[in-house]
């Protein structure tokens, strides 16, 4: 089987980790987006594509903010900076 150069393969465990932690929206982000749209005076049901985009973008923003805060509090990302023993 030849894999095209613009594709990569990875172990299932890595894929499952990425899917759970990075590729899936965080729970509650669609609801948060709906609240914001309602605050602007609109009905979220009228904007399904916007709701999809808000769910993803708000999830990413939360992950980025959490990572920044963890770094500010001195935590190192042990996935890329393992401790030495």
N, C-alpha and C. Protein backbone atom coordinates (compact mmCIF):
# COMPACT_ATOMS: atom_id res chain seq x y z
N UNK A 1 0.84 -1.18 0.00
CA UNK A 1 0.00 0.00 0.00
C UNK A 1 0.89 1.24 0.00
N UNK A 2 0.67 2.12 -0.94
CA UNK A 2 1.43 3.36 -1.01
C UNK A 2 0.58 4.49 -0.46
N UNK A 3 1.17 5.26 0.44
CA UNK A 3 0.46 6.39 1.04
C UNK A 3 0.93 7.66 0.33
N UNK A 4 -0.01 8.47 -0.15
CA UNK A 4 0.39 9.73 -0.81
C UNK A 4 1.22 10.60 0.13
N UNK A 5 2.10 11.41 -0.42
CA UNK A 5 3.00 12.23 0.38
C UNK A 5 2.29 13.29 1.20
N UNK A 6 1.08 13.65 0.84
CA UNK A 6 0.37 14.67 1.61
C UNK A 6 -0.48 14.07 2.74
N UNK A 7 -0.27 12.80 3.06
CA UNK A 7 -0.93 12.14 4.18
C UNK A 7 0.12 11.61 5.14
N UNK A 8 -0.26 11.49 6.41
CA UNK A 8 0.61 10.86 7.40
C UNK A 8 -0.17 9.78 8.11
N UNK A 9 0.53 8.84 8.64
CA UNK A 9 -0.11 7.81 9.46
C UNK A 9 0.46 7.94 10.88
N UNK A 10 -0.33 7.56 11.85
CA UNK A 10 0.13 7.60 13.22
C UNK A 10 -0.55 6.48 13.99
N UNK A 11 0.05 6.11 15.11
CA UNK A 11 -0.55 5.03 15.90
C UNK A 11 -1.95 5.43 16.38
N UNK A 12 -2.82 4.44 16.49
CA UNK A 12 -4.19 4.71 16.92
C UNK A 12 -4.22 5.42 18.26
N UNK A 13 -3.35 5.05 19.19
CA UNK A 13 -3.37 5.70 20.51
C UNK A 13 -3.06 7.19 20.39
N UNK A 14 -2.15 7.55 19.51
CA UNK A 14 -1.84 8.96 19.29
C UNK A 14 -3.03 9.67 18.67
N UNK A 15 -3.65 9.04 17.69
CA UNK A 15 -4.84 9.62 17.06
C UNK A 15 -5.95 9.83 18.09
N UNK A 16 -6.19 8.83 18.93
CA UNK A 16 -7.25 8.93 19.93
C UNK A 16 -6.96 10.05 20.93
N UNK A 17 -5.69 10.19 21.31
CA UNK A 17 -5.31 11.28 22.21
C UNK A 17 -5.55 12.64 21.54
N UNK A 18 -5.10 12.78 20.31
CA UNK A 18 -5.30 14.04 19.58
C UNK A 18 -6.78 14.34 19.40
N UNK A 19 -7.55 13.32 19.07
CA UNK A 19 -8.98 13.51 18.87
C UNK A 19 -9.67 13.95 20.16
N UNK A 20 -9.31 13.32 21.26
CA UNK A 20 -9.95 13.64 22.53
C UNK A 20 -9.53 15.01 23.05
N UNK A 21 -8.27 15.36 22.87
CA UNK A 21 -7.75 16.57 23.49
C UNK A 21 -7.71 17.79 22.58
N UNK A 22 -7.62 17.59 21.29
CA UNK A 22 -7.40 18.72 20.40
C UNK A 22 -8.37 18.82 19.23
N UNK A 23 -8.85 17.71 18.74
CA UNK A 23 -9.67 17.74 17.53
C UNK A 23 -11.15 17.83 17.81
N UNK A 24 -11.55 17.54 19.03
CA UNK A 24 -12.97 17.58 19.39
C UNK A 24 -13.26 18.87 20.15
N UNK A 25 -14.39 19.51 19.86
CA UNK A 25 -14.74 20.71 20.61
C UNK A 25 -14.97 20.39 22.09
N UNK A 26 -14.69 21.36 22.94
CA UNK A 26 -14.95 21.20 24.36
C UNK A 26 -16.45 21.24 24.62
N UNK A 27 -16.89 20.49 25.60
CA UNK A 27 -18.32 20.50 25.91
C UNK A 27 -18.72 21.88 26.42
N UNK A 28 -19.89 22.30 26.07
CA UNK A 28 -20.42 23.58 26.52
C UNK A 28 -20.10 24.77 25.63
N UNK A 29 -19.18 24.60 24.67
CA UNK A 29 -18.78 25.74 23.85
C UNK A 29 -19.87 26.17 22.88
N UNK A 30 -20.67 25.22 22.41
CA UNK A 30 -21.79 25.57 21.53
C UNK A 30 -22.82 26.39 22.31
N UNK A 31 -23.07 25.99 23.56
CA UNK A 31 -24.00 26.73 24.42
C UNK A 31 -23.47 28.14 24.69
N UNK A 32 -22.19 28.26 24.95
CA UNK A 32 -21.60 29.57 25.18
C UNK A 32 -21.74 30.44 23.93
N UNK A 33 -21.48 29.87 22.77
CA UNK A 33 -21.66 30.60 21.52
C UNK A 33 -23.09 31.06 21.35
N UNK A 34 -24.04 30.21 21.71
CA UNK A 34 -25.46 30.57 21.59
C UNK A 34 -25.80 31.74 22.50
N UNK A 35 -25.23 31.75 23.71
CA UNK A 35 -25.46 32.86 24.63
C UNK A 35 -24.94 34.16 24.01
N UNK A 36 -23.76 34.11 23.43
CA UNK A 36 -23.18 35.32 22.83
C UNK A 36 -24.01 35.82 21.65
N UNK A 37 -24.49 34.89 20.83
CA UNK A 37 -25.32 35.28 19.68
C UNK A 37 -26.63 35.89 20.18
N UNK A 38 -27.22 35.30 21.22
CA UNK A 38 -28.45 35.85 21.78
C UNK A 38 -28.21 37.24 22.37
N UNK A 39 -27.05 37.43 23.02
CA UNK A 39 -26.73 38.76 23.58
C UNK A 39 -26.70 39.81 22.48
N UNK A 40 -26.35 39.43 21.28
CA UNK A 40 -26.33 40.37 20.16
C UNK A 40 -27.71 40.52 19.53
N UNK A 41 -28.70 39.82 20.09
CA UNK A 41 -30.07 39.98 19.62
C UNK A 41 -30.48 39.05 18.50
N UNK A 42 -29.74 37.98 18.31
CA UNK A 42 -30.04 37.05 17.22
C UNK A 42 -30.42 35.68 17.76
N UNK A 43 -31.05 34.89 16.92
CA UNK A 43 -31.43 33.53 17.25
C UNK A 43 -30.35 32.59 16.72
N UNK A 44 -29.65 31.86 17.61
CA UNK A 44 -28.59 30.96 17.16
C UNK A 44 -29.06 29.91 16.15
N UNK A 45 -30.34 29.50 16.23
CA UNK A 45 -30.86 28.50 15.31
C UNK A 45 -30.85 28.99 13.86
N UNK A 46 -30.81 30.30 13.69
CA UNK A 46 -30.79 30.86 12.33
C UNK A 46 -29.40 30.87 11.72
N UNK A 47 -28.39 30.49 12.49
CA UNK A 47 -26.99 30.58 12.03
C UNK A 47 -26.22 29.30 12.34
N UNK A 48 -26.62 28.16 11.75
CA UNK A 48 -25.95 26.89 12.10
C UNK A 48 -24.46 26.87 11.75
N UNK A 49 -24.07 27.48 10.63
CA UNK A 49 -22.64 27.49 10.28
C UNK A 49 -21.84 28.33 11.26
N UNK A 50 -22.39 29.45 11.68
CA UNK A 50 -21.72 30.28 12.69
C UNK A 50 -21.59 29.51 13.99
N UNK A 51 -22.62 28.77 14.38
CA UNK A 51 -22.57 28.02 15.63
C UNK A 51 -21.48 26.95 15.57
N UNK A 52 -21.34 26.29 14.41
CA UNK A 52 -20.25 25.31 14.25
C UNK A 52 -18.90 25.98 14.43
N UNK A 53 -18.73 27.13 13.79
CA UNK A 53 -17.45 27.85 13.87
C UNK A 53 -17.18 28.34 15.29
N UNK A 54 -18.20 28.89 15.96
CA UNK A 54 -18.02 29.36 17.33
C UNK A 54 -17.63 28.22 18.27
N UNK A 55 -18.25 27.07 18.10
CA UNK A 55 -17.93 25.93 18.96
C UNK A 55 -16.45 25.57 18.86
N UNK A 56 -15.92 25.56 17.66
CA UNK A 56 -14.51 25.20 17.45
C UNK A 56 -13.60 26.32 17.95
N UNK A 57 -13.90 27.56 17.56
CA UNK A 57 -13.04 28.68 17.94
C UNK A 57 -13.02 28.92 19.44
N UNK A 58 -14.18 28.83 20.08
CA UNK A 58 -14.21 29.02 21.54
C UNK A 58 -13.47 27.90 22.25
N UNK A 59 -13.54 26.69 21.73
CA UNK A 59 -12.78 25.58 22.31
C UNK A 59 -11.29 25.86 22.23
N UNK A 60 -10.84 26.27 21.05
CA UNK A 60 -9.42 26.55 20.86
C UNK A 60 -8.96 27.68 21.77
N UNK A 61 -9.79 28.71 21.91
CA UNK A 61 -9.41 29.84 22.76
C UNK A 61 -9.26 29.41 24.21
N UNK A 62 -10.13 28.53 24.68
CA UNK A 62 -10.02 28.06 26.05
C UNK A 62 -8.76 27.23 26.27
N UNK A 63 -8.44 26.38 25.32
CA UNK A 63 -7.23 25.56 25.44
C UNK A 63 -5.99 26.45 25.44
N UNK A 64 -5.95 27.43 24.54
CA UNK A 64 -4.80 28.34 24.46
C UNK A 64 -4.67 29.15 25.75
N UNK A 65 -5.77 29.66 26.27
CA UNK A 65 -5.74 30.45 27.50
C UNK A 65 -5.27 29.59 28.67
N UNK A 66 -5.77 28.37 28.76
CA UNK A 66 -5.35 27.47 29.83
C UNK A 66 -3.85 27.17 29.74
N UNK A 67 -3.36 26.95 28.54
CA UNK A 67 -1.93 26.68 28.36
C UNK A 67 -1.10 27.89 28.80
N UNK A 68 -1.54 29.09 28.42
CA UNK A 68 -0.82 30.31 28.82
C UNK A 68 -0.80 30.45 30.34
N UNK A 69 -1.94 30.22 30.97
CA UNK A 69 -2.01 30.34 32.43
C UNK A 69 -1.13 29.30 33.13
N UNK A 70 -1.11 28.08 32.61
CA UNK A 70 -0.27 27.05 33.22
C UNK A 70 1.20 27.44 33.12
N UNK A 71 1.61 27.97 31.96
CA UNK A 71 3.00 28.43 31.81
C UNK A 71 3.30 29.58 32.77
N UNK A 72 2.37 30.54 32.88
CA UNK A 72 2.57 31.68 33.78
C UNK A 72 2.74 31.23 35.23
N UNK A 73 2.15 30.10 35.57
CA UNK A 73 2.26 29.58 36.93
C UNK A 73 3.40 28.57 37.08
N UNK A 74 4.28 28.54 36.09
CA UNK A 74 5.50 27.74 36.20
C UNK A 74 5.41 26.29 35.77
N UNK A 75 4.27 25.88 35.22
CA UNK A 75 4.18 24.50 34.76
C UNK A 75 4.86 24.36 33.41
N UNK A 76 5.63 23.30 33.26
CA UNK A 76 6.24 22.98 31.97
C UNK A 76 5.39 21.92 31.29
N UNK A 77 5.37 21.95 29.99
CA UNK A 77 4.66 20.93 29.22
C UNK A 77 5.57 19.70 29.16
N UNK A 78 5.28 18.72 29.98
CA UNK A 78 6.15 17.55 30.10
C UNK A 78 6.11 16.66 28.87
N UNK A 79 5.17 16.92 27.95
CA UNK A 79 5.16 16.16 26.71
C UNK A 79 6.34 16.56 25.84
N UNK A 80 6.75 17.83 25.93
CA UNK A 80 7.85 18.32 25.09
C UNK A 80 9.07 18.70 25.90
N UNK A 81 8.93 18.84 27.22
CA UNK A 81 10.04 19.16 28.11
C UNK A 81 10.06 18.14 29.24
N UNK A 82 10.42 16.92 28.96
CA UNK A 82 10.37 15.90 30.02
C UNK A 82 11.34 16.24 31.16
N UNK A 83 10.97 15.79 32.34
CA UNK A 83 11.86 16.00 33.49
C UNK A 83 13.03 15.06 33.35
N UNK A 84 14.16 15.46 33.87
CA UNK A 84 15.34 14.60 33.85
C UNK A 84 15.46 13.96 35.21
N UNK A 85 15.78 12.68 35.21
CA UNK A 85 15.92 11.98 36.49
C UNK A 85 17.33 11.53 36.70
